[in-house]
Protein backbone atom coordinates (compact mmCIF):
# COMPACT_ATOMS: atom_id res chain seq x y z
CA MET A 1 -13.41 16.26 -16.08
CA ILE A 2 -11.47 15.02 -13.07
CA SER A 3 -11.92 17.38 -10.12
CA LYS A 4 -8.71 19.39 -9.81
CA ARG A 5 -9.14 19.84 -6.07
CA HIS A 6 -9.70 16.11 -5.62
CA LEU A 7 -6.70 15.14 -7.76
CA LEU A 8 -4.46 17.76 -6.12
CA GLY A 9 -5.52 16.53 -2.69
CA LEU A 10 -4.83 12.89 -3.56
CA TYR A 11 -1.42 13.82 -4.89
CA SER A 12 -0.66 15.96 -1.85
CA ALA A 13 -1.48 13.01 0.40
CA GLN A 14 0.60 10.69 -1.77
CA ILE A 15 3.56 13.07 -1.87
CA GLY A 16 3.39 13.38 1.90
CA SER A 17 3.25 9.59 2.22
CA MET A 18 6.31 9.38 -0.05
CA LEU A 19 8.45 12.21 1.30
CA ILE A 20 7.94 11.71 5.03
CA PRO A 21 9.16 8.07 5.03
CA LEU A 22 12.08 9.09 2.81
CA VAL A 23 13.08 11.68 5.43
CA THR A 24 12.60 9.39 8.43
CA LEU A 25 14.25 6.35 6.82
CA PRO A 26 17.87 7.65 7.00
CA TRP A 27 17.27 8.85 10.57
CA LEU A 28 16.01 5.44 11.67
CA ILE A 29 18.96 3.67 10.05
CA LEU A 30 21.48 6.06 11.58
CA THR A 31 20.01 6.02 15.08
CA LEU A 32 18.76 2.44 15.37
CA GLY A 33 21.40 0.83 13.16
CA VAL A 34 20.79 -1.49 10.21
CA GLU A 35 20.28 -4.54 12.44
CA SER A 36 17.65 -2.92 14.70
CA TYR A 37 15.95 -1.43 11.65
CA GLY A 38 15.81 -4.97 10.23
CA ILE A 39 13.93 -6.09 13.35
CA LEU A 40 11.54 -3.15 13.03
CA ALA A 41 10.92 -3.90 9.35
CA TRP A 42 10.33 -7.60 10.04
CA VAL A 43 7.80 -6.93 12.81
CA TYR A 44 6.09 -4.35 10.63
CA SER A 45 5.88 -6.77 7.66
CA ILE A 46 4.05 -9.38 9.75
CA THR A 47 1.63 -6.80 11.17
CA MET A 48 0.83 -5.53 7.69
CA PHE A 49 -0.71 -8.90 6.80
CA ALA A 50 -3.37 -8.18 9.42
CA VAL A 51 -3.72 -4.53 8.34
CA PHE A 52 -4.35 -5.49 4.71
CA ALA A 53 -7.00 -8.01 5.76
CA VAL A 54 -9.12 -5.13 7.11
CA ASP A 55 -9.39 -3.37 3.76
CA CYS A 56 -8.93 -6.14 1.18
CA GLY A 57 -11.90 -6.04 -1.18
CA ILE A 58 -13.88 -3.62 0.98
CA ASN A 59 -12.15 -0.41 -0.12
CA THR A 60 -12.86 -0.82 -3.82
CA MET A 61 -16.52 -1.69 -3.28
CA ALA A 62 -16.92 1.11 -0.71
CA ILE A 63 -15.54 3.82 -3.03
CA GLN A 64 -18.11 2.90 -5.69
CA GLY A 65 -20.93 2.75 -3.12
CA ILE A 66 -20.01 6.09 -1.52
CA PHE A 67 -19.74 7.73 -4.95
CA ALA A 68 -23.24 6.48 -5.90
CA ARG A 69 -24.82 7.82 -2.67
CA ARG A 70 -22.87 11.01 -2.11
CA ASP A 71 -25.86 13.25 -2.97
CA HIS A 72 -28.16 11.49 -0.46
CA ALA A 73 -27.02 12.23 3.09
CA LYS A 74 -29.20 9.64 4.88
CA LYS A 75 -28.31 6.80 2.50
CA LEU A 76 -24.66 7.80 2.62
CA HIS A 77 -24.62 7.79 6.42
CA ARG A 78 -26.18 4.32 6.64
CA TYR A 79 -23.97 2.89 3.91
CA PHE A 80 -20.85 4.24 5.59
CA GLY A 81 -22.00 2.64 8.86
CA ALA A 82 -22.43 -0.72 7.11
CA VAL A 83 -18.95 -0.47 5.59
CA GLN A 84 -17.40 0.32 8.96
CA ALA A 85 -19.29 -2.59 10.57
CA ALA A 86 -17.91 -4.93 7.91
CA ARG A 87 -14.40 -3.58 8.51
CA ILE A 88 -14.76 -4.15 12.27
CA VAL A 89 -15.63 -7.80 11.59
CA LEU A 90 -12.55 -8.13 9.39
CA CYS A 91 -10.49 -6.31 12.04
CA LEU A 92 -11.37 -8.92 14.67
CA PHE A 93 -10.27 -11.70 12.33
CA SER A 94 -7.10 -9.73 11.58
CA VAL A 95 -6.13 -9.45 15.24
CA ALA A 96 -6.68 -13.19 15.71
CA PHE A 97 -4.58 -13.86 12.60
CA LEU A 98 -1.76 -11.67 13.92
CA MET A 99 -1.75 -13.46 17.27
CA LEU A 100 -1.54 -16.80 15.46
CA LEU A 101 1.44 -15.61 13.40
CA VAL A 102 3.24 -14.35 16.50
CA MET A 103 2.82 -17.72 18.24
CA CYS A 104 3.98 -19.71 15.21
CA PHE A 105 7.58 -18.42 15.15
CA LYS A 106 10.11 -18.39 17.95
CA LYS A 107 11.64 -15.13 16.70
CA SER A 108 8.27 -13.35 16.70
CA SER A 109 7.49 -14.58 20.23
CA GLN A 110 10.75 -12.97 21.32
CA TYR A 111 9.49 -9.56 20.16
CA TRP A 112 5.83 -9.91 21.25
CA TYR A 113 5.85 -6.45 22.85
CA LEU A 114 6.81 -4.87 19.52
CA PHE A 115 3.85 -6.60 17.88
CA ALA A 116 1.57 -5.22 20.58
CA PHE A 117 2.55 -1.64 19.70
CA CYS A 118 2.61 -2.34 15.97
CA ALA A 119 -0.97 -3.65 16.18
CA LEU A 120 -2.02 0.01 16.57
CA ASN A 121 -1.67 0.15 12.78
CA ILE A 122 -4.74 -2.10 12.54
CA VAL A 123 -6.77 0.27 14.71
CA GLY A 124 -5.43 3.24 12.75
CA THR A 125 -6.54 1.69 9.46
CA LEU A 126 -9.99 1.06 10.89
CA THR A 127 -10.42 4.61 12.22
CA PHE A 128 -9.17 6.35 9.07
CA PRO A 129 -11.51 5.30 6.21
CA ALA A 130 -9.87 7.13 3.31
CA PHE A 131 -12.35 5.47 0.92
CA TYR A 132 -15.08 7.83 2.19
CA TRP A 133 -13.25 10.96 1.07
CA VAL A 134 -12.23 9.33 -2.21
CA GLY A 135 -15.87 8.46 -2.85
CA ILE A 136 -17.11 12.01 -2.28
CA GLU A 137 -14.11 13.35 -4.27
CA ARG A 138 -12.55 15.29 -1.41
CA GLY A 139 -8.94 14.27 -1.75
CA ASP A 140 -7.89 17.55 -0.11
CA LEU A 141 -9.30 16.33 3.23
CA ILE A 142 -7.32 13.10 2.90
CA ALA A 143 -4.19 15.21 2.44
CA TYR A 144 -4.84 17.28 5.57
CA ALA A 145 -5.52 14.29 7.83
CA ASN A 146 -2.98 11.85 6.38
CA VAL A 147 -0.06 14.26 6.07
CA GLY A 148 -0.87 15.85 9.43
CA GLY A 149 -0.82 12.48 11.22
CA ARG A 150 2.39 11.36 9.54
CA LEU A 151 4.09 14.69 10.13
CA LEU A 152 3.29 14.75 13.84
CA SER A 153 4.42 11.15 14.22
CA SER A 154 7.68 11.90 12.38
CA LEU A 155 8.43 14.98 14.47
CA LEU A 156 8.06 12.91 17.62
CA LEU A 157 10.32 10.30 16.03
CA PHE A 158 13.08 12.86 15.42
CA ALA A 159 12.73 14.27 18.92
CA LEU A 160 12.63 11.03 20.93
CA VAL A 161 14.50 8.30 19.00
CA HIS A 162 18.29 8.58 19.30
CA SER A 163 19.76 5.08 19.70
CA SER A 164 19.07 1.36 19.21
CA GLU A 165 17.63 1.27 22.74
CA ASP A 166 14.70 3.34 21.47
CA LEU A 167 13.48 0.57 19.12
CA THR A 168 10.22 0.04 21.03
CA LEU A 169 9.51 3.78 21.03
CA ALA A 170 10.21 3.96 17.29
CA VAL A 171 7.67 1.19 16.63
CA LEU A 172 5.08 2.97 18.78
CA LEU A 173 5.56 6.38 17.15
CA GLN A 174 5.38 4.94 13.63
CA SER A 175 2.16 3.13 14.52
CA ILE A 176 0.17 6.11 15.85
CA ALA A 177 0.07 8.09 12.58
CA GLY A 178 -3.12 6.33 11.47
CA LEU A 179 -4.78 6.94 14.82
CA ILE A 180 -4.05 10.67 14.60
CA SER A 181 -5.51 10.80 11.08
CA GLY A 182 -8.54 8.82 12.28
CA VAL A 183 -9.27 11.31 15.04
CA ALA A 184 -9.15 14.11 12.44
CA PHE A 185 -11.52 12.19 10.15
CA TYR A 186 -14.19 11.58 12.79
CA TRP A 187 -13.95 15.14 14.05
CA HIS A 188 -14.76 16.33 10.52
CA TYR A 189 -17.43 13.66 9.95
CA VAL A 190 -19.31 14.36 13.18
CA ARG A 191 -19.13 18.09 12.59
CA ASN A 192 -20.24 18.09 8.92
CA VAL A 193 -22.29 14.92 8.41
CA GLY A 194 -23.92 14.31 11.75
CA GLY A 195 -22.68 11.86 14.33
CA ILE A 196 -20.81 8.60 14.45
CA PRO A 197 -22.47 6.10 12.05
CA LEU A 198 -24.13 3.70 14.50
CA VAL A 199 -27.25 3.09 12.37
CA TRP A 200 -26.69 0.56 9.62
CA ARG A 201 -28.36 -2.42 8.05
CA TYR A 202 -27.09 -5.89 8.87
CA ALA A 203 -28.21 -7.14 5.44
CA GLN A 204 -26.22 -4.40 3.73
CA MET A 205 -23.10 -5.38 5.69
CA LYS A 206 -23.54 -9.02 4.62
CA VAL A 207 -23.89 -7.96 1.00
CA LEU A 208 -20.69 -5.92 1.24
CA LEU A 209 -18.75 -8.82 2.71
CA ARG A 210 -20.11 -11.22 0.10
CA GLN A 211 -19.40 -8.89 -2.83
CA SER A 212 -15.89 -8.18 -1.62
CA ASN A 213 -15.11 -11.90 -1.47
CA SER A 214 -14.61 -11.94 -5.23
CA ILE A 215 -11.61 -9.61 -5.07
CA ARG A 216 -10.42 -10.06 -1.46
CA THR A 217 -8.15 -13.02 -2.21
CA HIS A 218 -6.53 -11.26 -5.16
CA GLU A 219 -5.91 -8.06 -3.20
CA PHE A 220 -4.60 -9.93 -0.17
CA VAL A 221 -2.18 -11.99 -2.27
CA PHE A 222 -1.05 -8.84 -4.07
CA GLN A 223 -0.45 -7.06 -0.76
CA ALA A 224 1.30 -10.15 0.58
CA MET A 225 3.77 -9.83 -2.30
CA GLN A 226 4.85 -6.54 -0.70
CA ASN A 227 5.57 -7.87 2.78
CA LEU A 228 6.36 -11.56 2.31
CA PRO A 229 9.95 -10.90 1.07
CA VAL A 230 10.89 -9.07 4.30
CA PHE A 231 9.04 -11.70 6.32
CA ALA A 232 10.79 -14.62 4.57
CA LEU A 233 14.22 -12.96 4.74
CA GLY A 234 13.69 -12.32 8.45
CA ILE A 235 13.23 -16.04 9.00
CA TYR A 236 16.26 -17.22 7.02
CA GLN A 237 18.69 -14.27 6.99
CA ALA A 238 20.44 -12.11 9.58
CA ASN A 239 18.78 -8.90 10.75
CA HIS A 240 21.26 -6.63 8.95
CA VAL A 241 20.41 -8.29 5.60
CA VAL A 242 16.74 -7.66 6.30
CA GLY A 243 17.55 -4.05 7.21
CA VAL A 244 19.40 -3.36 3.95
CA TYR A 245 16.71 -4.97 1.81
CA ALA A 246 13.84 -3.33 3.70
CA SER A 247 15.37 0.15 3.45
CA LEU A 248 15.83 -0.06 -0.33
CA GLU A 249 12.45 -1.72 -0.81
CA LYS A 250 10.71 1.00 1.21
CA LEU A 251 12.44 3.72 -0.82
CA PHE A 252 11.36 2.34 -4.18
CA ARG A 253 7.89 1.29 -3.08
CA ALA A 254 7.28 4.89 -1.99
CA LEU A 255 8.35 6.04 -5.46
CA ALA A 256 6.23 3.39 -7.18
CA THR A 257 3.06 4.49 -5.36
CA ALA A 258 3.32 7.94 -6.96
CA LEU A 259 0.87 6.75 -9.65
CA ASN A 260 -1.84 5.66 -7.20
CA PRO A 261 -3.70 9.01 -7.01
CA LEU A 262 -3.73 9.35 -10.80
CA ASN A 263 -5.03 5.79 -11.15
CA HIS A 264 -7.82 6.47 -8.62
CA ALA A 265 -8.81 9.69 -10.35
CA PHE A 266 -8.68 8.01 -13.78
CA THR A 267 -11.03 5.26 -12.57
CA SER A 268 -13.61 7.82 -11.40
CA TYR A 269 -13.24 9.70 -14.70
CA VAL A 270 -13.92 6.56 -16.75
CA HIS A 271 -17.04 5.90 -14.66
CA LYS A 272 -18.29 9.39 -15.52
CA LEU A 273 -17.62 8.84 -19.24
CA LYS A 274 -19.47 5.52 -19.05
CA ALA A 275 -22.46 7.20 -17.41
CA ARG A 276 -22.56 9.69 -20.31
CA ARG A 277 -22.08 6.86 -22.85
CA LEU A 278 -18.94 8.50 -24.28
CA TYR A 279 -17.36 5.16 -25.20
CA ARG A 280 -15.06 6.35 -27.99
CA LEU A 281 -13.69 9.16 -25.83
CA ARG A 282 -13.12 6.69 -23.00
CA ASP A 283 -11.20 4.27 -25.23
CA ARG A 284 -9.00 7.03 -26.65
CA HIS A 285 -8.16 8.39 -23.20
CA THR A 286 -7.42 4.86 -21.95
CA LYS A 287 -4.91 4.25 -24.76
CA TRP A 288 -3.03 7.52 -24.27
CA TYR A 289 -3.07 7.17 -20.50
CA LEU A 290 -1.52 3.71 -20.78
CA TYR A 291 1.19 4.64 -23.27
CA GLY A 292 2.04 8.00 -21.70
CA VAL A 293 2.36 6.79 -18.13
CA SER A 294 4.24 3.63 -19.16
CA ALA A 295 6.81 5.68 -21.08
CA LEU A 296 7.16 8.12 -18.18
CA VAL A 297 7.81 5.50 -15.50
CA THR A 298 10.23 3.57 -17.73
CA LEU A 299 12.31 6.70 -18.34
CA GLY A 300 12.20 7.53 -14.64
CA ALA A 301 13.43 4.08 -13.65
CA GLY A 302 16.22 4.32 -16.23
CA ALA A 303 17.34 7.64 -14.79
CA LEU A 304 17.43 6.14 -11.30
CA VAL A 305 19.64 3.31 -12.54
CA LEU A 306 22.13 5.87 -13.92
CA LEU A 307 22.07 7.77 -10.61
CA ALA A 308 22.41 4.66 -8.42
CA VAL A 309 26.11 4.92 -7.66
CA PRO A 310 26.35 8.64 -6.76
CA VAL A 311 23.11 8.56 -4.74
CA LEU A 312 24.29 5.65 -2.58
CA LYS A 313 27.74 7.20 -2.12
CA LEU A 314 26.36 10.55 -1.02
CA SER A 315 23.45 9.28 1.08
CA PHE A 316 24.83 6.19 2.81
CA ASN A 317 28.59 6.42 2.31
CA TRP A 318 28.65 2.99 0.69
CA SER A 319 31.31 1.89 -1.78
CA ILE A 320 31.06 -0.58 -4.64
CA ASP A 321 34.02 -2.61 -3.37
CA LYS A 322 32.54 -3.25 0.08
CA HIS A 323 28.82 -3.19 -0.67
CA GLY A 324 28.50 -4.43 -4.24
CA HIS A 325 25.35 -6.43 -3.45
CA VAL A 326 23.63 -3.21 -2.35
CA PHE A 327 24.16 -1.67 -5.79
CA VAL A 328 22.80 -4.81 -7.43
CA LEU A 329 19.70 -4.54 -5.24
CA PHE A 330 19.39 -0.84 -6.08
CA GLN A 331 19.42 -1.52 -9.82
CA LEU A 332 16.99 -4.42 -9.48
CA CYS A 333 14.68 -2.12 -7.50
CA CYS A 334 14.73 0.38 -10.38
CA MET A 335 13.76 -2.39 -12.79
CA TRP A 336 11.03 -3.59 -10.46
CA MET A 337 9.60 -0.08 -10.08
CA ALA A 338 9.17 0.30 -13.85
CA VAL A 339 7.54 -3.12 -14.27
CA HIS A 340 5.30 -2.67 -11.23
CA CYS A 341 4.04 0.76 -12.32
CA ILE A 342 3.23 -0.51 -15.82
CA LEU A 343 1.37 -3.46 -14.26
CA LYS A 344 -0.76 -1.14 -12.11
CA VAL A 345 -1.55 1.09 -15.09
CA LEU A 346 -2.65 -1.94 -17.13
CA GLU A 347 -4.89 -3.08 -14.27
CA THR A 348 -6.48 0.37 -14.00
CA CYS A 349 -6.96 0.93 -17.74
CA TYR A 350 -8.44 -2.37 -18.86
CA TYR A 351 -9.73 -4.17 -15.80
CA ILE A 352 -10.51 -2.02 -12.73
CA SER A 353 -12.08 0.82 -14.75
CA ASN A 354 -14.27 -1.71 -16.58
CA LYS A 355 -15.06 -3.74 -13.45
CA ARG A 356 -13.49 -6.89 -14.90
CA TRP A 357 -12.41 -8.08 -11.47
CA LYS A 358 -13.00 -11.78 -12.11
CA GLN A 359 -10.81 -11.81 -15.21
CA LEU A 360 -8.09 -9.81 -13.45
CA ILE A 361 -8.08 -12.32 -10.60
CA ASN A 362 -8.04 -15.35 -12.91
CA ILE A 363 -5.01 -13.97 -14.76
CA CYS A 364 -2.87 -12.69 -11.89
CA LEU A 365 -3.74 -14.86 -8.91
CA PRO A 366 -2.12 -18.15 -10.09
CA VAL A 367 1.09 -16.31 -11.05
CA GLN A 368 1.22 -14.48 -7.72
CA ILE A 369 0.62 -17.64 -5.70
CA LEU A 370 3.52 -19.31 -7.54
CA GLY A 371 5.57 -16.18 -6.79
CA LEU A 372 4.81 -16.40 -3.07
CA SER A 373 5.99 -20.02 -3.04
CA ALA A 374 9.14 -19.09 -4.97
CA ILE A 375 9.97 -16.32 -2.47
CA PHE A 376 10.09 -18.84 0.36
CA ILE A 377 12.19 -21.20 -1.76
CA PHE A 378 14.78 -18.54 -2.68
CA ALA A 379 14.80 -16.58 0.62
CA PRO A 380 17.60 -18.75 2.16
CA TYR A 381 19.87 -17.78 -0.77
CA GLY A 382 19.65 -14.01 -0.30
CA ALA A 383 17.82 -10.78 -1.10
CA VAL A 384 18.93 -10.55 -4.75
CA GLN A 385 17.22 -13.85 -5.58
CA VAL A 386 14.03 -12.80 -3.79
CA LEU A 387 13.84 -9.49 -5.63
CA SER A 388 14.42 -11.27 -8.96
CA VAL A 389 11.39 -13.46 -8.24
CA ILE A 390 9.24 -10.37 -7.55
CA ILE A 391 10.31 -8.76 -10.84
CA ALA A 392 9.53 -11.96 -12.74
CA VAL A 393 6.04 -12.20 -11.20
CA ASP A 394 5.12 -8.59 -12.03
CA PHE A 395 6.56 -8.93 -15.56
CA VAL A 396 4.56 -12.10 -16.30
CA CYS A 397 1.35 -10.57 -14.89
CA ALA A 398 1.82 -7.37 -16.93
CA GLY A 399 2.45 -9.36 -20.12
CA LEU A 400 -0.62 -11.53 -19.63
CA LEU A 401 -2.86 -8.56 -18.81
CA PHE A 402 -1.75 -6.75 -21.95
CA LEU A 403 -2.15 -9.78 -24.23
CA LEU A 404 -5.60 -10.63 -22.83
CA ARG A 405 -6.89 -7.05 -22.49
CA ASP A 406 -9.55 -7.48 -25.21
CA LYS A 407 -10.70 -10.95 -24.15
CA LYS A 408 -14.12 -11.12 -22.56
């Protein structure tokens, strides 16, 4: 069975990651203004390309490796050191990539100091290896460190950010949450495992980097689908358009990630069933997990569509007459959330749990690359067109994954 403490901890961390941004989002919009928030979101979207490069491919391989060695302290310590060494190598490339992006665009050069503070997210990702606690099935520790770091950062945000002049401070405070969580992680690791992992095998690090190459491109393109819309809109559209799109996108992406802990726990559960050779039980659980979660997220998205108008009126004091495009975006976000969640469940059930990474990449990667190109083509026309492209990409990928689920 799935560890209840582990699953509860993962969900606690996920709920904290969902609720805290939902609380801070209205405050940032009210204090900074939609235009300044658009600048913040655009800078953040570019930095996230570098952040994702640190973990792309490595996290999935590391969770499996940590899980296999969790009962052998010495092997676990050395393996964790090799993973961190590989992530440091990727981190150096990420920083260089971020500097290149900043120099390529005149607008980004104008806000270079914001990128400098936002780059702390890269360091925070490196110092907070959540994959370690997922691998040893201690999701409760992830919850303590992750929620604690975000909560402290948010409290400072409420106390110190009061106007658009505090934009730089807002970027800094949002970027230190990962660092705070990383300090908590290493305090626990040194105290309970035995020192910072400085001993590792160079050959093992090379193997990790080579093995992760097979899924790194897919994961990076998938993550790019999250941030490229804000990035492209920031180039072609005014800052207030970026602010409106980014605020709605952040709201619904936080809701869509609610399934992540359950997907992680389900993957570990399937691995246990495989080890016990309970194939029929695994297949039955996979089918009900797919159908049950898909029905749940579809109903949830439908309910959000019905509640779109009153929620926007009460929360943001927007009216249909003056801000009709915002309601269109809201409804498209509901549709995207349902399609995206079903896509992630399909990936978990039939591909990730069965380690069919190559087939998953071959199916989704061409569609996603076409989607990235289409985003840049439609970005000059507005946010509605960009979001429609994202929905189409996720819908096509979900359909192909379902139709080809039994193909070897």
